[in-house]
Structure formats: structure tokens, C-alpha cells
Amino acid sequence: MRQSKIKDKLKLRSDIIFMVRSFFIERGFLEVDTPIRIPAPAPEIYIDAEKSGDWYLQTSPELCMKELLAKGFKNIFQIAKCFRKNERGGKHLPEMTLLEWYCADKNYFDLMDQTQNLFRYISRKLNNSLTLKYQGAEIDLKGQFEKITVKDAFDRYGSISVEEALQEDKFDEVLALEIEPKLGLKRPVFLYNYPKEMGALAKLNDEDNTVAERFELYVKGLELCNAFSELNDASEQRLRFEEEIEARRRLGKDIYPMPDKFLSILPLMPQSAGIALGIERLLMLFTDSDNIDDISFIIPEEL
């Protein structure tokens, strides 16, 4: 059986999740537990929710965790089951585990520092080393992780500029096929300052309002997390949700209810930063696995 062959990796799965939890508890974060079944997910164009009666299974605990920030919680984290339709492949599961954490009075650069520290913490605990071996590459976790803006990444690695990619609706294609495979080959890379069109829940940069304060982390082409300085302007957030809903309508996708309760409480949320990190992707990295099935106890095809 598949599980018998990967028993050692499944043991590491348990160990690494324990390390993640310990990292945040040692730093004064509160572990929270929010509902999996919700009345309305965030209406994002490329993320499809599973129905559960008249409600939905969460695609992320983001909206509920932001409500907690608005109610006075400062540093919170959660390891949550999340569900997304039409996501299955070597790096995707329709039922996945997300680590999300949120910090009041912080921005996306603060989260970059926290993410670096988390990866170093796990590496030291596992291997007593800050060198990570993944798919034939040695990844250096010492020092600052590399930072590159999306614009610079397109100029350096892409066949067209980021502006052209947006105009021709090729942003995701160029990013996935031309840029991502070249990121993080020797040390992790933060890809940051995404075009504002690619940050539906992110705050725009104060100095350049054409970009959102969003980043993703890559190691040897593997995307591990998505993070941003959070938008807390309810009027602007409603407008962006309306744009996402209209884009979904044009593509013939399901239309979700507007998350009005979340929008009503959003003005109470302080300036904050939040991040979603795929636990399965993290496990792939630290167990040197090239397929998500290799670190999963049960996969959909086995049910």
C-alpha cells in the first residue's frame, strides 16, 4: 500500500506540523479555530469553493481570522483544512491543509522576516543545519532570502514585460511557465509587489499605487505561500469583490454571495498583515518530495 511505502515521510509530516505549532506558540501567538463551513467565501476569480448545503466549505480561514483581528486579537495562527474545487495534481489537492497567521500593526515585510525565521527553525530542528536539500539542489537558508519584484522578474526571466502580460491576459501563463521555474534555485526568493489587479484583498503600496503589497515565496520553483499587507478599507474591498464577481460571471463561474458581515466589521481591523502557507507544500520541501501524494495520509482517489 502507498502509505506503507511512505511511512517515514508521514511520520515527518506529524513532526513538522508539531514544529510549526511550537514556533508560533513560543512567540506568543494564539492558536485559533474558526468554522470550516461559512455563508460566503471571498469572491476571488480563480478560487472555486465547494458547496455545503446553502453555505460553502472554506477555501481559506482568512475572512474569519480577520474578524478576530477586528475584535482585538493581535497575533493569531491556525492550521486549517480548506477545500477548493478543480484543484488536483502533483502539487494540488482538493482538500488541503493551510497554515495562516495574522499580525496586527505589521506589514508584508514583517511577514517576510517571520517566514524566514520559520523555515530556519524547522531546518535546525530537523537537520541541525541551515542547508536544505530539495530535488537535487542545495538551498541556503542562511542570511536574508532573496527579494525580487514582479516587474523585475518579468524583465529578467519573461518573454514579455509585466505590462504586456496584463494587457494580453498572459500574466499567469508567463509567471508559471517562464518565471517560476527560475526562482529559488540556490536560496529562497520572495517575489513581491504584484500588480494591483493580482491582489484582491491586499493593500496598495503607498509609494506606487499600481502595485499591491503582496508576496509569494519560492524554493526551486515551488510556490509555498501567499501573503500581503491587508486592505482594511471596506468601501475599496467591496469594489474589488464586485470586480471579482463580475470577472467570475464573464467566465461562467459560480457566483458567491457578497460577504457582507466581513465587510461590516472590516473598518475595525487595524493595519495588519496575513499569510497563507500550504502545509503540504512545506512538507514536500522538507521531505524532498516531488509529488503531494507522497506526504498525504489519504488522498481523494482512495476514498
Foldseek 3Di string as FASTA:
>chain_A
DLCVVLVVLQVVLVVLVVLLVVLQVVVPAAEDDDDQWAAFEQLAQPWAFDDDPNTTGAQDCVLVVLLVLLVPHFKYKYWDWHATPPFDDQQTARTFIKIKMKGFPDWVVVVQVVVLVSLCSSCCVVPVDQWFDAPNATAGSPDHFAEDEPQVQCVVWFPDGCVVCVVVVNNVVRCLPTRLQPAARHYKYKYFFAAPLPCLFFDADPVDRRTGGKIWIHHNSQTWKIKGFGDLQLVSSQVSSVVSQVSNVVVVHDHTDDPVVSSVSSNSRHGMMMMMGTSLSVSCRRVNHSGSVSNDPDGPVRD
